[in-house]
N, C-alpha and C. Protein backbone atom coordinates (compact mmCIF):
# COMPACT_ATOMS: atom_id res chain seq x y z
N UNK A 1 0.80 -1.19 0.00
CA UNK A 1 0.00 0.00 0.00
C UNK A 1 0.85 1.27 0.00
N UNK A 2 2.15 1.10 -0.20
CA UNK A 2 3.03 2.26 -0.25
C UNK A 2 2.67 3.17 -1.42
N UNK A 3 2.18 2.58 -2.51
CA UNK A 3 1.80 3.41 -3.66
C UNK A 3 0.65 4.33 -3.31
N UNK A 4 -0.27 3.90 -2.44
CA UNK A 4 -1.40 4.74 -2.04
C UNK A 4 -0.91 5.91 -1.18
N UNK A 5 0.06 5.65 -0.32
CA UNK A 5 0.61 6.71 0.52
C UNK A 5 1.32 7.76 -0.34
N UNK A 6 2.16 7.31 -1.27
CA UNK A 6 2.93 8.25 -2.08
C UNK A 6 2.05 8.99 -3.09
N UNK A 7 1.09 8.30 -3.67
CA UNK A 7 0.19 8.99 -4.60
C UNK A 7 -0.70 9.98 -3.84
N UNK A 8 -1.11 9.63 -2.63
CA UNK A 8 -1.88 10.56 -1.81
C UNK A 8 -1.06 11.78 -1.43
N UNK A 9 0.22 11.56 -1.15
CA UNK A 9 1.09 12.69 -0.83
C UNK A 9 1.24 13.62 -2.03
N UNK A 10 1.35 13.06 -3.22
CA UNK A 10 1.45 13.88 -4.43
C UNK A 10 0.16 14.65 -4.68
N UNK A 11 -0.98 14.01 -4.49
CA UNK A 11 -2.26 14.69 -4.66
C UNK A 11 -2.41 15.81 -3.63
N UNK A 12 -2.01 15.53 -2.42
CA UNK A 12 -2.08 16.54 -1.37
C UNK A 12 -1.15 17.72 -1.66
N UNK A 13 0.03 17.45 -2.17
CA UNK A 13 0.95 18.53 -2.54
C UNK A 13 0.41 19.35 -3.70
N UNK A 14 -0.27 18.70 -4.63
CA UNK A 14 -0.88 19.44 -5.74
C UNK A 14 -1.96 20.38 -5.21
N UNK A 15 -2.75 19.90 -4.26
CA UNK A 15 -3.77 20.74 -3.64
C UNK A 15 -3.14 21.90 -2.88
N UNK A 16 -2.05 21.62 -2.19
CA UNK A 16 -1.35 22.67 -1.45
C UNK A 16 -0.78 23.72 -2.40
N UNK A 17 -0.26 23.27 -3.52
CA UNK A 17 0.25 24.21 -4.53
C UNK A 17 -0.88 25.09 -5.05
N UNK A 18 -2.06 24.51 -5.24
CA UNK A 18 -3.21 25.30 -5.67
C UNK A 18 -3.61 26.33 -4.64
N UNK A 19 -3.57 25.96 -3.38
CA UNK A 19 -3.89 26.90 -2.31
C UNK A 19 -2.89 28.05 -2.27
N UNK A 20 -1.62 27.73 -2.41
CA UNK A 20 -0.58 28.77 -2.42
C UNK A 20 -0.78 29.69 -3.62
N UNK A 21 -1.12 29.14 -4.77
CA UNK A 21 -1.36 29.94 -5.96
C UNK A 21 -2.51 30.92 -5.73
N UNK A 22 -3.59 30.44 -5.10
CA UNK A 22 -4.73 31.32 -4.81
C UNK A 22 -4.33 32.45 -3.87
N UNK A 23 -3.55 32.14 -2.86
CA UNK A 23 -3.10 33.16 -1.92
C UNK A 23 -2.25 34.20 -2.63
N UNK A 24 -1.31 33.76 -3.44
CA UNK A 24 -0.42 34.68 -4.15
C UNK A 24 -1.21 35.55 -5.13
N UNK A 25 -2.18 34.95 -5.80
CA UNK A 25 -2.99 35.69 -6.78
C UNK A 25 -3.74 36.84 -6.11
N UNK A 26 -4.41 36.57 -5.01
CA UNK A 26 -5.19 37.61 -4.33
C UNK A 26 -4.26 38.61 -3.64
N UNK A 27 -3.19 38.13 -3.06
CA UNK A 27 -2.25 39.01 -2.37
C UNK A 27 -1.61 40.00 -3.35
N UNK A 28 -1.24 39.50 -4.52
CA UNK A 28 -0.63 40.41 -5.51
C UNK A 28 -1.66 41.42 -6.02
N UNK A 29 -2.91 41.03 -6.13
CA UNK A 29 -3.94 41.97 -6.56
C UNK A 29 -4.16 43.05 -5.50
N UNK A 30 -4.10 42.67 -4.24
CA UNK A 30 -4.25 43.66 -3.17
C UNK A 30 -3.06 44.63 -3.14
N UNK A 31 -1.88 44.12 -3.40
CA UNK A 31 -0.69 44.98 -3.38
C UNK A 31 -0.67 45.93 -4.56
N UNK A 32 -1.29 45.54 -5.68
CA UNK A 32 -1.37 46.44 -6.84
C UNK A 32 -2.33 47.59 -6.59
N UNK A 33 -3.18 47.44 -5.58
CA UNK A 33 -4.12 48.51 -5.25
C UNK A 33 -5.28 48.59 -6.21
N UNK A 34 -5.79 47.43 -6.61
CA UNK A 34 -6.94 47.42 -7.50
C UNK A 34 -8.15 48.06 -6.82
N UNK A 35 -9.01 48.67 -7.61
CA UNK A 35 -10.25 49.20 -7.02
C UNK A 35 -11.07 48.08 -6.39
N UNK A 36 -11.91 48.45 -5.46
CA UNK A 36 -12.67 47.47 -4.68
C UNK A 36 -13.50 46.55 -5.57
N UNK A 37 -14.11 47.11 -6.60
CA UNK A 37 -14.96 46.31 -7.49
C UNK A 37 -14.16 45.26 -8.25
N UNK A 38 -13.00 45.64 -8.75
CA UNK A 38 -12.15 44.70 -9.49
C UNK A 38 -11.58 43.63 -8.56
N UNK A 39 -11.23 44.03 -7.35
CA UNK A 39 -10.70 43.08 -6.38
C UNK A 39 -11.77 42.04 -6.01
N UNK A 40 -12.99 42.50 -5.84
CA UNK A 40 -14.09 41.56 -5.54
C UNK A 40 -14.32 40.60 -6.69
N UNK A 41 -14.24 41.09 -7.92
CA UNK A 41 -14.42 40.22 -9.09
C UNK A 41 -13.32 39.17 -9.15
N UNK A 42 -12.09 39.57 -8.84
CA UNK A 42 -10.98 38.61 -8.84
C UNK A 42 -11.17 37.56 -7.76
N UNK A 43 -11.58 38.00 -6.57
CA UNK A 43 -11.78 37.05 -5.47
C UNK A 43 -12.90 36.08 -5.82
N UNK A 44 -13.96 36.58 -6.48
CA UNK A 44 -15.05 35.67 -6.90
C UNK A 44 -14.55 34.60 -7.86
N UNK A 45 -13.58 34.94 -8.71
CA UNK A 45 -13.02 33.95 -9.63
C UNK A 45 -12.11 32.96 -8.92
N UNK A 46 -11.42 33.42 -7.88
CA UNK A 46 -10.43 32.58 -7.20
C UNK A 46 -11.08 31.63 -6.19
N UNK A 47 -12.22 32.01 -5.62
CA UNK A 47 -12.84 31.19 -4.56
C UNK A 47 -13.15 29.77 -5.03
N UNK A 48 -13.75 29.53 -6.21
CA UNK A 48 -13.97 28.13 -6.61
C UNK A 48 -12.67 27.34 -6.78
N UNK A 49 -11.63 28.00 -7.28
CA UNK A 49 -10.34 27.31 -7.42
C UNK A 49 -9.76 26.99 -6.05
N UNK A 50 -9.95 27.92 -5.11
CA UNK A 50 -9.48 27.71 -3.75
C UNK A 50 -10.19 26.51 -3.11
N UNK A 51 -11.48 26.43 -3.28
CA UNK A 51 -12.25 25.32 -2.71
C UNK A 51 -11.86 23.99 -3.38
N UNK A 52 -11.64 24.02 -4.68
CA UNK A 52 -11.19 22.82 -5.38
C UNK A 52 -9.83 22.35 -4.91
N UNK A 53 -8.93 23.28 -4.70
CA UNK A 53 -7.59 22.93 -4.21
C UNK A 53 -7.66 22.38 -2.79
N UNK A 54 -8.53 22.96 -1.99
CA UNK A 54 -8.71 22.47 -0.62
C UNK A 54 -9.27 21.04 -0.64
N UNK A 55 -10.23 20.78 -1.53
CA UNK A 55 -10.80 19.44 -1.65
C UNK A 55 -9.74 18.45 -2.13
N UNK A 56 -8.93 18.87 -3.09
CA UNK A 56 -7.87 17.99 -3.60
C UNK A 56 -6.87 17.65 -2.50
N UNK A 57 -6.52 18.63 -1.72
CA UNK A 57 -5.59 18.39 -0.62
C UNK A 57 -6.20 17.44 0.42
N UNK A 58 -7.47 17.62 0.69
CA UNK A 58 -8.16 16.75 1.65
C UNK A 58 -8.23 15.32 1.14
N UNK A 59 -8.54 15.15 -0.12
CA UNK A 59 -8.60 13.80 -0.70
C UNK A 59 -7.22 13.15 -0.63
N UNK A 60 -6.17 13.92 -0.91
CA UNK A 60 -4.81 13.38 -0.81
C UNK A 60 -4.48 12.92 0.59
N UNK A 61 -4.87 13.71 1.58
CA UNK A 61 -4.61 13.31 2.97
C UNK A 61 -5.42 12.07 3.35
N UNK A 62 -6.64 11.96 2.84
CA UNK A 62 -7.43 10.75 3.10
C UNK A 62 -6.77 9.53 2.47
N UNK A 63 -6.18 9.71 1.29
CA UNK A 63 -5.48 8.60 0.65
C UNK A 63 -4.28 8.17 1.49
N UNK A 64 -3.55 9.14 2.02
CA UNK A 64 -2.38 8.82 2.86
C UNK A 64 -2.82 8.05 4.10
N UNK A 65 -3.86 8.52 4.78
CA UNK A 65 -4.33 7.85 6.00
C UNK A 65 -4.85 6.47 5.68
N UNK A 66 -5.57 6.31 4.57
CA UNK A 66 -6.05 4.99 4.18
C UNK A 66 -4.88 4.05 3.90
N UNK A 67 -3.86 4.54 3.21
CA UNK A 67 -2.67 3.72 2.94
C UNK A 67 -1.96 3.32 4.21
N UNK A 68 -1.91 4.23 5.20
CA UNK A 68 -1.26 3.89 6.47
C UNK A 68 -2.07 2.82 7.21
N UNK A 69 -3.39 2.95 7.21
CA UNK A 69 -4.24 1.95 7.89
C UNK A 69 -4.13 0.60 7.24
N UNK A 70 -3.98 0.55 5.92
CA UNK A 70 -3.94 -0.73 5.23
C UNK A 70 -2.55 -1.37 5.22
N UNK A 71 -1.55 -0.63 5.66
CA UNK A 71 -0.19 -1.17 5.69
C UNK A 71 0.02 -2.01 6.94
């Protein structure tokens, strides 16, 4: 079951990379000083990606825990 642990770790890292990308995207928009309306529009676009990345990271962690239990 080592393959499940390592593949889960890769999936979790991909989700973490997505979360970091969302943070950097919004943070850079705030630092540019975008108007409030444009910043809200950007955040509305990033929120679904953020939730998807969080779900991907959670699924990866579940894969790791399942692999540990089955080992």
